Amino acid sequence: MKNVVVKGVYIVGMHHWGRRELKNDVIHYCGHENDNPYDKNAVLSDAEMRNKVGFLQREDAARLKMCIDI
């Protein structure tokens, strides 16, 4: 697993999992969601590898996907 630290990105789609706010002290793991029908570059944010939170914005996801897929 690669460790990449990313700051200053927005997470969208959080309402689908019932969350409204992100906690500052939680580590979010990101992974490329290959089978996402809406965005081929979709990057899922997962809080502490247990809870789906949402997705990175489309623009941020496209850039981060390059780092994840290396």
PDB file of N, CA and C in Angstrom:
ATOM      1  N   MET A   1       0.846  -1.176   0.000  1.00  0.00           N
ATOM      2  CA  MET A   1       0.000   0.000   0.000  1.00  0.00           C
ATOM      3  C   MET A   1       0.889   1.236   0.000  1.00  0.00           C
ATOM      4  N   LYS A   2       0.555   2.198  -0.843  1.00  0.00           N
ATOM      5  CA  LYS A   2       1.298   3.450  -0.896  1.00  0.00           C
ATOM      6  C   LYS A   2       0.745   4.410   0.136  1.00  0.00           C
ATOM      7  N   ASN A   3       1.616   5.206   0.692  1.00  0.00           N
ATOM      8  CA  ASN A   3       1.185   6.251   1.612  1.00  0.00           C
ATOM      9  C   ASN A   3       1.386   7.592   0.934  1.00  0.00           C
ATOM     10  N   VAL A   4       0.299   8.275   0.663  1.00  0.00           N
ATOM     11  CA  VAL A   4       0.322   9.591   0.048  1.00  0.00           C
ATOM     12  C   VAL A   4      -0.499  10.501   0.940  1.00  0.00           C
ATOM     13  N   VAL A   5       0.063  11.629   1.323  1.00  0.00           N
ATOM     14  CA  VAL A   5      -0.665  12.580   2.153  1.00  0.00           C
ATOM     15  C   VAL A   5      -1.224  13.667   1.244  1.00  0.00           C
ATOM     16  N   VAL A   6      -2.523  13.875   1.340  1.00  0.00           N
ATOM     17  CA  VAL A   6      -3.200  14.870   0.519  1.00  0.00           C
ATOM     18  C   VAL A   6      -3.971  15.786   1.455  1.00  0.00           C
ATOM     19  N   LYS A   7      -3.808  17.073   1.253  1.00  0.00           N
ATOM     20  CA  LYS A   7      -4.532  18.050   2.069  1.00  0.00           C
ATOM     21  C   LYS A   7      -5.258  19.022   1.150  1.00  0.00           C
ATOM     22  N   GLY A   8      -6.331  19.588   1.657  1.00  0.00           N
ATOM     23  CA  GLY A   8      -7.040  20.624   0.924  1.00  0.00           C
ATOM     24  C   GLY A   8      -7.908  20.128  -0.213  1.00  0.00           C
ATOM     25  N   VAL A   9      -8.482  18.948  -0.079  1.00  0.00           N
ATOM     26  CA  VAL A   9      -9.406  18.452  -1.094  1.00  0.00           C
ATOM     27  C   VAL A   9     -10.805  18.356  -0.496  1.00  0.00           C
ATOM     28  N   TYR A  10     -11.791  18.395  -1.346  1.00  0.00           N
ATOM     29  CA  TYR A  10     -13.172  18.283  -0.910  1.00  0.00           C
ATOM     30  C   TYR A  10     -13.687  16.872  -1.154  1.00  0.00           C
ATOM     31  N   ILE A  11     -14.539  16.416  -0.259  1.00  0.00           N
ATOM     32  CA  ILE A  11     -15.199  15.124  -0.428  1.00  0.00           C
ATOM     33  C   ILE A  11     -16.660  15.397  -0.737  1.00  0.00           C
ATOM     34  N   VAL A  12     -17.152  14.766  -1.787  1.00  0.00           N
ATOM     35  CA  VAL A  12     -18.532  14.977  -2.227  1.00  0.00           C
ATOM     36  C   VAL A  12     -19.327  13.688  -2.080  1.00  0.00           C
ATOM     37  N   GLY A  13     -20.638  13.802  -2.125  1.00  0.00           N
ATOM     38  CA  GLY A  13     -21.503  12.619  -2.064  1.00  0.00           C
ATOM     39  C   GLY A  13     -21.673  12.043  -0.674  1.00  0.00           C
ATOM     40  N   MET A  14     -21.319  12.810   0.351  1.00  0.00           N
ATOM     41  CA  MET A  14     -21.379  12.288   1.719  1.00  0.00           C
ATOM     42  C   MET A  14     -22.799  11.984   2.170  1.00  0.00           C
ATOM     43  N   HIS A  15     -23.779  12.666   1.606  1.00  0.00           N
ATOM     44  CA  HIS A  15     -25.167  12.453   2.026  1.00  0.00           C
ATOM     45  C   HIS A  15     -25.655  11.039   1.724  1.00  0.00           C
ATOM     46  N   HIS A  16     -25.004  10.350   0.795  1.00  0.00           N
ATOM     47  CA  HIS A  16     -25.416   8.981   0.473  1.00  0.00           C
ATOM     48  C   HIS A  16     -25.160   8.020   1.621  1.00  0.00           C
ATOM     49  N   TRP A  17     -24.199   8.343   2.474  1.00  0.00           N
ATOM     50  CA  TRP A  17     -23.871   7.461   3.598  1.00  0.00           C
ATOM     51  C   TRP A  17     -24.290   8.073   4.929  1.00  0.00           C
ATOM     52  N   GLY A  18     -25.069   9.149   4.897  1.00  0.00           N
ATOM     53  CA  GLY A  18     -25.640   9.717   6.108  1.00  0.00           C
ATOM     54  C   GLY A  18     -24.704  10.590   6.921  1.00  0.00           C
ATOM     55  N   ARG A  19     -23.585  10.995   6.375  1.00  0.00           N
ATOM     56  CA  ARG A  19     -22.658  11.839   7.121  1.00  0.00           C
ATOM     57  C   ARG A  19     -22.754  13.268   6.613  1.00  0.00           C
ATOM     58  N   ARG A  20     -22.649  14.190   7.516  1.00  0.00           N
ATOM     59  CA  ARG A  20     -22.709  15.594   7.144  1.00  0.00           C
ATOM     60  C   ARG A  20     -21.384  16.311   7.400  1.00  0.00           C
ATOM     61  N   GLU A  21     -20.628  15.872   8.403  1.00  0.00           N
ATOM     62  CA  GLU A  21     -19.377  16.523   8.764  1.00  0.00           C
ATOM     63  C   GLU A  21     -18.248  15.526   8.829  1.00  0.00           C
ATOM     64  N   LEU A  22     -17.059  15.976   8.492  1.00  0.00           N
ATOM     65  CA  LEU A  22     -15.876  15.134   8.629  1.00  0.00           C
ATOM     66  C   LEU A  22     -15.175  15.489   9.927  1.00  0.00           C
ATOM     67  N   LYS A  23     -14.620  14.498  10.571  1.00  0.00           N
ATOM     68  CA  LYS A  23     -13.844  14.746  11.782  1.00  0.00           C
ATOM     69  C   LYS A  23     -12.402  15.006  11.384  1.00  0.00           C
ATOM     70  N   ASN A  24     -11.766  15.938  12.068  1.00  0.00           N
ATOM     71  CA  ASN A  24     -10.385  16.293  11.757  1.00  0.00           C
ATOM     72  C   ASN A  24      -9.378  15.248  12.194  1.00  0.00           C
ATOM     73  N   ASP A  25      -9.694  14.459  13.193  1.00  0.00           N
ATOM     74  CA  ASP A  25      -8.720  13.526  13.753  1.00  0.00           C
ATOM     75  C   ASP A  25      -8.829  12.114  13.176  1.00  0.00           C
ATOM     76  N   VAL A  26      -9.507  11.959  12.057  1.00  0.00           N
ATOM     77  CA  VAL A  26      -9.699  10.646  11.442  1.00  0.00           C
ATOM     78  C   VAL A  26      -8.874  10.560  10.158  1.00  0.00           C
ATOM     79  N   ILE A  27      -8.172   9.454   9.989  1.00  0.00           N
ATOM     80  CA  ILE A  27      -7.417   9.230   8.761  1.00  0.00           C
ATOM     81  C   ILE A  27      -8.364   8.662   7.710  1.00  0.00           C
ATOM     82  N   HIS A  28      -8.331   9.240   6.529  1.00  0.00           N
ATOM     83  CA  HIS A  28      -9.154   8.768   5.418  1.00  0.00           C
ATOM     84  C   HIS A  28      -8.259   8.079   4.402  1.00  0.00           C
ATOM     85  N   TYR A  29      -8.624   6.878   4.039  1.00  0.00           N
ATOM     86  CA  TYR A  29      -7.893   6.116   3.030  1.00  0.00           C
ATOM     87  C   TYR A  29      -8.637   6.263   1.712  1.00  0.00           C
ATOM     88  N   CYS A  30      -7.896   6.428   0.650  1.00  0.00           N
ATOM     89  CA  CYS A  30      -8.506   6.630  -0.657  1.00  0.00           C
ATOM     90  C   CYS A  30      -8.139   5.489  -1.589  1.00  0.00           C
ATOM     91  N   GLY A  31      -9.079   5.150  -2.426  1.00  0.00           N
ATOM     92  CA  GLY A  31      -8.832   4.102  -3.407  1.00  0.00           C
ATOM     93  C   GLY A  31      -9.609   4.360  -4.678  1.00  0.00           C
ATOM     94  N   HIS A  32      -9.033   3.964  -5.790  1.00  0.00           N
ATOM     95  CA  HIS A  32      -9.675   4.123  -7.095  1.00  0.00           C
ATOM     96  C   HIS A  32     -10.835   3.141  -7.199  1.00  0.00           C
ATOM     97  N   GLU A  33     -12.004   3.641  -7.518  1.00  0.00           N
ATOM     98  CA  GLU A  33     -13.179   2.789  -7.673  1.00  0.00           C
ATOM     99  C   GLU A  33     -13.397   2.534  -9.162  1.00  0.00           C
ATOM    100  N   ASN A  34     -12.801   1.467  -9.655  1.00  0.00           N
ATOM    101  CA  ASN A  34     -12.795   1.164 -11.091  1.00  0.00           C
ATOM    102  C   ASN A  34     -14.177   1.014 -11.710  1.00  0.00           C
ATOM    103  N   ASP A  35     -15.132   0.505 -10.957  1.00  0.00           N
ATOM    104  CA  ASP A  35     -16.448   0.202 -11.529  1.00  0.00           C
ATOM    105  C   ASP A  35     -17.479   1.306 -11.325  1.00  0.00           C
ATOM    106  N   ASN A  36     -17.039   2.522 -11.026  1.00  0.00           N
ATOM    107  CA  ASN A  36     -17.964   3.630 -10.824  1.00  0.00           C
ATOM    108  C   ASN A  36     -18.550   4.046 -12.173  1.00  0.00           C
ATOM    109  N   PRO A  37     -19.882   3.956 -12.344  1.00  0.00           N
ATOM    110  CA  PRO A  37     -20.494   4.257 -13.640  1.00  0.00           C
ATOM    111  C   PRO A  37     -20.530   5.750 -13.976  1.00  0.00           C
ATOM    112  N   TYR A  38     -20.275   6.625 -12.996  1.00  0.00           N
ATOM    113  CA  TYR A  38     -20.385   8.064 -13.214  1.00  0.00           C
ATOM    114  C   TYR A  38     -19.046   8.734 -13.499  1.00  0.00           C
ATOM    115  N   ASP A  39     -17.954   8.118 -13.027  1.00  0.00           N
ATOM    116  CA  ASP A  39     -16.644   8.741 -13.178  1.00  0.00           C
ATOM    117  C   ASP A  39     -15.573   7.659 -13.232  1.00  0.00           C
ATOM    118  N   LYS A  40     -14.902   7.539 -14.364  1.00  0.00           N
ATOM    119  CA  LYS A  40     -13.877   6.494 -14.514  1.00  0.00           C
ATOM    120  C   LYS A  40     -12.668   6.737 -13.624  1.00  0.00           C
ATOM    121  N   ASN A  41     -12.516   7.969 -13.119  1.00  0.00           N
ATOM    122  CA  ASN A  41     -11.402   8.301 -12.231  1.00  0.00           C
ATOM    123  C   ASN A  41     -11.826   8.378 -10.767  1.00  0.00           C
ATOM    124  N   ALA A  42     -13.005   7.907 -10.431  1.00  0.00           N
ATOM    125  CA  ALA A  42     -13.552   8.066  -9.081  1.00  0.00           C
ATOM    126  C   ALA A  42     -12.598   7.532  -8.012  1.00  0.00           C
ATOM    127  N   VAL A  43     -12.397   8.351  -6.972  1.00  0.00           N
ATOM    128  CA  VAL A  43     -11.570   7.964  -5.831  1.00  0.00           C
ATOM    129  C   VAL A  43     -12.438   8.043  -4.586  1.00  0.00           C
ATOM    130  N   LEU A  44     -12.621   6.900  -3.949  1.00  0.00           N
ATOM    131  CA  LEU A  44     -13.456   6.778  -2.759  1.00  0.00           C
ATOM    132  C   LEU A  44     -12.656   7.146  -1.523  1.00  0.00           C
ATOM    133  N   SER A  45     -13.275   7.888  -0.607  1.00  0.00           N
ATOM    134  CA  SER A  45     -12.668   8.185   0.688  1.00  0.00           C
ATOM    135  C   SER A  45     -13.304   7.277   1.724  1.00  0.00           C
ATOM    136  N   ASP A  46     -12.469   6.618   2.479  1.00  0.00           N
ATOM    137  CA  ASP A  46     -12.915   5.618   3.447  1.00  0.00           C
ATOM    138  C   ASP A  46     -12.309   5.969   4.802  1.00  0.00           C
ATOM    139  N   ALA A  47     -13.147   6.272   5.788  1.00  0.00           N
ATOM    140  CA  ALA A  47     -12.661   6.663   7.112  1.00  0.00           C
ATOM    141  C   ALA A  47     -12.148   5.451   7.866  1.00  0.00           C
ATOM    142  N   GLU A  48     -10.865   5.470   8.153  1.00  0.00           N
ATOM    143  CA  GLU A  48     -10.212   4.418   8.929  1.00  0.00           C
ATOM    144  C   GLU A  48     -10.460   3.022   8.365  1.00  0.00           C
ATOM    145  N   MET A  49     -10.628   2.934   7.055  1.00  0.00           N
ATOM    146  CA  MET A  49     -10.834   1.672   6.325  1.00  0.00           C
ATOM    147  C   MET A  49     -12.057   0.903   6.816  1.00  0.00           C
ATOM    148  N   ARG A  50     -13.038   1.619   7.361  1.00  0.00           N
ATOM    149  CA  ARG A  50     -14.251   0.961   7.858  1.00  0.00           C
ATOM    150  C   ARG A  50     -15.528   1.585   7.324  1.00  0.00           C
ATOM    151  N   ASN A  51     -15.505   2.860   7.071  1.00  0.00           N
ATOM    152  CA  ASN A  51     -16.739   3.568   6.726  1.00  0.00           C
ATOM    153  C   ASN A  51     -16.576   4.384   5.452  1.00  0.00           C
ATOM    154  N   LYS A  52     -17.358   4.045   4.430  1.00  0.00           N
ATOM    155  CA  LYS A  52     -17.352   4.871   3.222  1.00  0.00           C
ATOM    156  C   LYS A  52     -17.858   6.249   3.594  1.00  0.00           C
ATOM    157  N   VAL A  53     -17.144   7.266   3.131  1.00  0.00           N
ATOM    158  CA  VAL A  53     -17.519   8.634   3.456  1.00  0.00           C
ATOM    159  C   VAL A  53     -18.051   9.359   2.232  1.00  0.00           C
ATOM    160  N   GLY A  54     -17.370   9.240   1.123  1.00  0.00           N
ATOM    161  CA  GLY A  54     -17.750   9.932  -0.094  1.00  0.00           C
ATOM    162  C   GLY A  54     -16.637   9.803  -1.113  1.00  0.00           C
ATOM    163  N   PHE A  55     -16.637  10.702  -2.071  1.00  0.00           N
ATOM    164  CA  PHE A  55     -15.654  10.668  -3.148  1.00  0.00           C
ATOM    165  C   PHE A  55     -14.934  12.001  -3.226  1.00  0.00           C
ATOM    166  N   LEU A  56     -13.702  11.972  -3.708  1.00  0.00           N
ATOM    167  CA  LEU A  56     -13.007  13.211  -3.984  1.00  0.00           C
ATOM    168  C   LEU A  56     -13.676  13.877  -5.172  1.00  0.00           C
ATOM    169  N   GLN A  57     -13.618  15.225  -5.197  1.00  0.00           N
ATOM    170  CA  GLN A  57     -14.160  15.942  -6.348  1.00  0.00           C
ATOM    171  C   GLN A  57     -13.516  15.419  -7.622  1.00  0.00           C
ATOM    172  N   ARG A  58     -14.237  15.505  -8.702  1.00  0.00           N
ATOM    173  CA  ARG A  58     -13.799  14.958  -9.988  1.00  0.00           C
ATOM    174  C   ARG A  58     -12.391  15.435 -10.381  1.00  0.00           C
ATOM    175  N   GLU A  59     -12.115  16.731 -10.221  1.00  0.00           N
ATOM    176  CA  GLU A  59     -10.812  17.275 -10.616  1.00  0.00           C
ATOM    177  C   GLU A  59      -9.694  16.716  -9.742  1.00  0.00           C
ATOM    178  N   ASP A  60      -9.932  16.656  -8.436  1.00  0.00           N
ATOM    179  CA  ASP A  60      -8.926  16.121  -7.512  1.00  0.00           C
ATOM    180  C   ASP A  60      -8.734  14.628  -7.729  1.00  0.00           C
ATOM    181  N   ALA A  61      -9.814  13.931  -8.000  1.00  0.00           N
ATOM    182  CA  ALA A  61      -9.749  12.479  -8.194  1.00  0.00           C
ATOM    183  C   ALA A  61      -8.898  12.125  -9.407  1.00  0.00           C
ATOM    184  N   ALA A  62      -9.029  12.882 -10.478  1.00  0.00           N
ATOM    185  CA  ALA A  62      -8.258  12.597 -11.691  1.00  0.00           C
ATOM    186  C   ALA A  62      -6.762  12.718 -11.421  1.00  0.00           C
ATOM    187  N   ARG A  63      -6.374  13.721 -10.618  1.00  0.00           N
ATOM    188  CA  ARG A  63      -4.952  13.898 -10.299  1.00  0.00           C
ATOM    189  C   ARG A  63      -4.463  12.836  -9.323  1.00  0.00           C
ATOM    190  N   LEU A  64      -5.250  12.542  -8.292  1.00  0.00           N
ATOM    191  CA  LEU A  64      -4.827  11.567  -7.288  1.00  0.00           C
ATOM    192  C   LEU A  64      -4.807  10.151  -7.851  1.00  0.00           C
ATOM    193  N   LYS A  65      -5.695   9.854  -8.777  1.00  0.00           N
ATOM    194  CA  LYS A  65      -5.738   8.523  -9.384  1.00  0.00           C
ATOM    195  C   LYS A  65      -4.394   8.166 -10.002  1.00  0.00           C
ATOM    196  N   MET A  66      -3.720   9.147 -10.576  1.00  0.00           N
ATOM    197  CA  MET A  66      -2.408   8.891 -11.173  1.00  0.00           C
ATOM    198  C   MET A  66      -1.413   8.410 -10.117  1.00  0.00           C
ATOM    199  N   CYS A  67      -1.483   8.962  -8.920  1.00  0.00           N
ATOM    200  CA  CYS A  67      -0.585   8.541  -7.833  1.00  0.00           C
ATOM    201  C   CYS A  67      -0.955   7.156  -7.323  1.00  0.00           C
ATOM    202  N   ILE A  68      -2.226   6.872  -7.235  1.00  0.00           N
ATOM    203  CA  ILE A  68      -2.692   5.590  -6.709  1.00  0.00           C
ATOM    204  C   ILE A  68      -2.352   4.458  -7.667  1.00  0.00           C
ATOM    205  N   ASP A  69      -2.483   4.699  -8.963  1.00  0.00           N
ATOM    206  CA  ASP A  69      -2.306   3.647  -9.967  1.00  0.00           C
ATOM    207  C   ASP A  69      -0.858   3.382 -10.366  1.00  0.00           C
ATOM    208  N   ILE A  70       0.074   4.127  -9.838  1.00  0.00           N
ATOM    209  CA  ILE A  70       1.489   3.931 -10.211  1.00  0.00           C
ATOM    210  C   ILE A  70       1.979   2.603  -9.689  1.00  0.00           C
TER     211      ILE A  70
END
